[in-house]
Amino acid sequence: MSLIRLNIKGISYSQTQNGAYALILSEVGGDRKLPIVIGAFEAQSIAIALEKEIKPPRPLTHDLFKNFCDRYTINIKQVIIHKLVDGVFYSSLICERDKIEEVIDARTSDAIALALRFDAPIFTYKNILDKAGIFLKGESGSLTPSTAKEQAEIDDILAENIEPEGSDYKKMSLIELEDLLTQAVKNEDYEKAARIRDEISKRK
């Protein structure tokens, strides 16, 4: 399968879903965008890496990983978003040390935060872009949606992937909560999983 290179267009904050962010990747040589829902911590880490002038006084987690790799001469050569299942993107880090390549599984948000720090290119497969790519009319290189229509499209994407504000776990049975917890972990939505786990713990 052919790989398509992606650039980071920017990060969008939802106007309607609190704490929801979409990382917008742009197809190189094409008009499609790949929106990926990410958490607040990952959005902050990616935003700091995009803004080269911002230097945190102490290393963030992804900066620490970069420092560790530099110390032991490990380089991330590229990131590949290789799978999309039930709205969840799966990625791999292609790493090299002493001319030996290793492939490491990673959450897509972490992989991209690291790609920025290693100046590593980001790729996905054509079938993933065909399935999840969308067309947005915003300005190239803009870090935020430049039109109300573009913002509305991104809000719709976020709304499909973020739990509604104030979801009432108290009305659910333990079995329903356990099923919901399993699904949240599978979808790598750890903030939601933590809230469900809190509700389960209250009942035990």
Protein backbone atom coordinates (compact mmCIF):
# COMPACT_ATOMS: atom_id res chain seq x y z
CA MET A 1 0.00 0.00 0.00
CA SER A 2 1.24 3.46 -0.86
CA LEU A 3 2.15 5.91 1.90
CA ILE A 4 0.99 9.53 1.84
CA ARG A 5 2.91 12.19 3.71
CA LEU A 6 1.04 14.45 6.11
CA ASN A 7 1.85 17.86 7.52
CA ILE A 8 0.43 19.34 10.70
CA LYS A 9 -2.09 22.04 9.83
CA GLY A 10 -2.85 22.88 13.43
CA ILE A 11 -4.94 22.19 16.49
CA SER A 12 -8.57 23.17 16.86
CA TYR A 13 -10.38 23.62 20.17
CA SER A 14 -14.05 22.72 20.10
CA GLN A 15 -16.45 25.62 20.60
CA THR A 16 -19.15 23.25 21.85
CA GLN A 17 -17.35 20.39 23.66
CA ASN A 18 -15.30 21.43 26.69
CA GLY A 19 -11.79 20.02 26.73
CA ALA A 20 -12.04 18.58 23.21
CA TYR A 21 -9.25 19.15 20.70
CA ALA A 22 -8.79 18.06 17.11
CA LEU A 23 -5.34 17.71 15.57
CA ILE A 24 -5.66 18.52 11.88
CA LEU A 25 -3.19 16.80 9.53
CA SER A 26 -2.98 17.93 5.93
CA GLU A 27 -2.24 15.74 2.92
CA VAL A 28 0.96 16.77 1.12
CA GLY A 29 0.17 17.39 -2.54
CA GLY A 30 -3.58 17.16 -1.94
CA ASP A 31 -6.54 18.93 -0.34
CA ARG A 32 -7.70 16.37 2.20
CA LYS A 33 -7.34 16.83 5.95
CA LEU A 34 -7.18 14.09 8.56
CA PRO A 35 -8.76 15.19 11.88
CA ILE A 36 -7.71 13.26 14.99
CA VAL A 37 -9.32 13.79 18.39
CA ILE A 38 -6.68 14.25 21.10
CA GLY A 39 -6.59 15.07 24.81
CA ALA A 40 -5.71 18.38 26.42
CA PHE A 41 -2.24 17.27 27.58
CA GLU A 42 -1.26 16.02 24.12
CA ALA A 43 -2.67 19.19 22.52
CA GLN A 44 -0.51 21.28 24.85
CA SER A 45 2.59 19.22 24.09
CA ILE A 46 2.06 19.45 20.33
CA ALA A 47 1.30 23.18 20.50
CA ILE A 48 4.50 23.84 22.45
CA ALA A 49 6.54 21.88 19.89
CA LEU A 50 4.91 23.85 17.04
CA GLU A 51 5.74 27.18 18.67
CA LYS A 52 9.51 27.01 18.60
CA GLU A 53 9.97 30.07 20.85
CA ILE A 54 8.19 28.44 23.79
CA LYS A 55 10.62 26.63 26.09
CA PRO A 56 9.12 25.04 29.22
CA PRO A 57 11.31 25.56 32.30
CA ARG A 58 11.34 21.79 32.85
CA PRO A 59 10.96 19.07 30.20
CA LEU A 60 7.48 17.80 29.42
CA THR A 61 7.03 14.03 29.09
CA HIS A 62 7.71 14.09 25.33
CA ASP A 63 10.75 16.33 25.85
CA LEU A 64 12.04 13.87 28.44
CA PHE A 65 11.61 11.02 25.96
CA LYS A 66 13.54 13.04 23.36
CA ASN A 67 16.36 13.76 25.85
CA PHE A 68 16.52 10.06 26.76
CA CYS A 69 16.75 9.06 23.10
CA ASP A 70 19.43 11.66 22.41
CA ARG A 71 21.49 10.37 25.32
CA TYR A 72 21.36 6.81 23.99
CA THR A 73 21.62 7.78 20.29
CA ILE A 74 18.14 6.58 19.35
CA ASN A 75 16.50 8.42 16.47
CA ILE A 76 12.87 8.42 15.37
CA LYS A 77 13.04 8.33 11.58
CA GLN A 78 9.33 8.51 10.81
CA VAL A 79 5.82 8.04 12.14
CA ILE A 80 3.24 5.93 10.30
CA ILE A 81 -0.47 6.07 11.08
CA HIS A 82 -1.11 2.51 9.98
CA LYS A 83 -4.60 1.52 11.14
CA LEU A 84 -8.05 2.96 11.81
CA VAL A 85 -10.51 0.86 13.83
CA ASP A 86 -13.82 2.19 15.22
CA GLY A 87 -12.61 5.77 14.92
CA VAL A 88 -9.31 5.09 16.72
CA PHE A 89 -6.04 5.71 14.85
CA TYR A 90 -3.08 3.41 15.50
CA SER A 91 0.49 4.54 14.87
CA SER A 92 4.04 3.24 14.83
CA LEU A 93 7.37 4.91 15.54
CA ILE A 94 10.12 3.81 13.18
CA CYS A 95 13.25 4.10 15.32
CA GLU A 96 16.93 3.55 14.56
CA ARG A 97 19.96 2.89 16.74
CA ASP A 98 23.33 1.71 15.48
CA LYS A 99 21.78 1.30 11.99
CA ILE A 100 19.21 -1.17 13.37
CA GLU A 101 15.54 -0.28 12.88
CA GLU A 102 12.82 -1.06 15.40
CA VAL A 103 9.07 -0.47 15.15
CA ILE A 104 7.32 0.69 18.34
CA ASP A 105 3.57 0.93 18.82
CA ALA A 106 2.34 4.35 19.99
CA ARG A 107 -0.79 6.40 20.45
CA THR A 108 -1.11 8.72 17.47
CA SER A 109 -1.10 11.88 19.60
CA ASP A 110 2.14 10.78 21.32
CA ALA A 111 3.68 9.73 18.02
CA ILE A 112 3.04 13.14 16.47
CA ALA A 113 4.28 15.01 19.54
CA LEU A 114 7.52 13.03 19.20
CA ALA A 115 7.69 13.43 15.41
CA LEU A 116 7.78 17.20 15.91
CA ARG A 117 10.65 16.93 18.37
CA PHE A 118 12.68 14.65 16.10
CA ASP A 119 11.78 16.49 12.88
CA ALA A 120 10.46 13.14 11.64
CA PRO A 121 8.01 12.93 8.72
CA ILE A 122 4.46 11.67 9.31
CA PHE A 123 2.80 9.24 6.92
CA THR A 124 -0.45 7.35 6.56
CA TYR A 125 -1.76 4.82 4.06
CA LYS A 126 -3.98 5.83 1.18
CA ASN A 127 -6.87 3.65 2.35
CA ILE A 128 -6.93 5.42 5.74
CA LEU A 129 -7.01 8.85 4.11
CA ASP A 130 -9.71 7.65 1.71
CA LYS A 131 -11.77 6.49 4.68
CA ALA A 132 -11.25 9.31 7.19
CA GLY A 133 -9.98 12.27 5.14
CA ILE A 134 -12.20 15.34 4.79
CA PHE A 135 -12.07 18.55 2.78
CA LEU A 136 -11.79 21.82 4.73
CA LYS A 137 -11.65 25.26 3.19
CA GLY A 138 -9.38 26.95 5.72
CA GLU A 139 -6.12 28.72 5.00
CA SER A 140 -3.11 26.45 4.66
CA GLY A 141 -0.89 26.63 7.70
CA SER A 142 -3.50 28.19 9.95
CA LEU A 143 -3.42 26.85 13.51
CA THR A 144 -7.13 27.45 13.95
CA PRO A 145 -10.13 27.06 11.64
CA SER A 146 -10.43 30.20 9.53
CA THR A 147 -14.13 30.02 8.73
CA ALA A 148 -17.29 29.35 10.72
CA LYS A 149 -18.11 26.48 8.38
CA GLU A 150 -14.73 24.84 9.00
CA GLN A 151 -15.14 25.23 12.76
CA ALA A 152 -18.62 23.69 12.57
CA GLU A 153 -17.25 20.70 10.66
CA ILE A 154 -14.55 20.15 13.26
CA ASP A 155 -17.05 20.53 16.11
CA ASP A 156 -19.19 17.84 14.48
CA ILE A 157 -16.18 15.50 14.35
CA LEU A 158 -15.38 16.17 17.99
CA ALA A 159 -19.00 15.73 19.05
CA GLU A 160 -19.01 12.25 17.53
CA ASN A 161 -15.97 11.24 19.56
CA ILE A 162 -16.37 13.05 22.88
CA GLU A 163 -18.79 11.97 25.58
CA PRO A 164 -21.63 14.47 26.17
CA GLU A 165 -21.12 16.95 28.99
CA GLY A 166 -22.40 15.60 32.28
CA SER A 167 -22.97 11.98 31.25
CA ASP A 168 -24.91 10.44 34.12
CA TYR A 169 -23.02 7.34 35.21
CA LYS A 170 -25.09 7.16 38.42
CA LYS A 171 -28.04 5.80 36.45
CA MET A 172 -26.01 2.95 34.96
CA SER A 173 -25.61 -0.52 36.43
CA LEU A 174 -22.19 -1.89 37.38
CA ILE A 175 -22.28 -4.21 34.37
CA GLU A 176 -23.00 -1.27 32.05
CA LEU A 177 -20.19 0.74 33.64
CA GLU A 178 -17.72 -2.14 33.28
CA ASP A 179 -18.63 -2.48 29.59
CA LEU A 180 -18.27 1.28 29.12
CA LEU A 181 -14.89 1.22 30.89
CA THR A 182 -13.63 -1.58 28.63
CA GLN A 183 -14.72 0.38 25.56
CA ALA A 184 -13.11 3.61 26.80
CA VAL A 185 -9.77 1.84 27.38
CA LYS A 186 -10.01 0.17 23.97
CA ASN A 187 -10.56 3.60 22.40
CA GLU A 188 -7.64 5.00 24.43
CA ASP A 189 -9.95 7.57 26.04
CA TYR A 190 -8.24 7.46 29.41
CA GLU A 191 -9.86 10.60 30.82
CA LYS A 192 -13.29 9.03 30.31
CA ALA A 193 -12.03 5.72 31.68
CA ALA A 194 -10.84 7.48 34.86
CA ARG A 195 -14.27 9.04 35.41
CA ILE A 196 -16.00 5.69 34.93
CA ARG A 197 -13.51 3.99 37.26
CA ASP A 198 -14.26 6.64 39.92
CA GLU A 199 -17.97 5.85 39.71
CA ILE A 200 -17.31 2.09 39.92
CA SER A 201 -15.05 2.59 42.95
CA LYS A 202 -17.77 4.51 44.79
CA ARG A 203 -20.02 1.48 44.59
CA LYS A 204 -17.52 -1.09 45.86
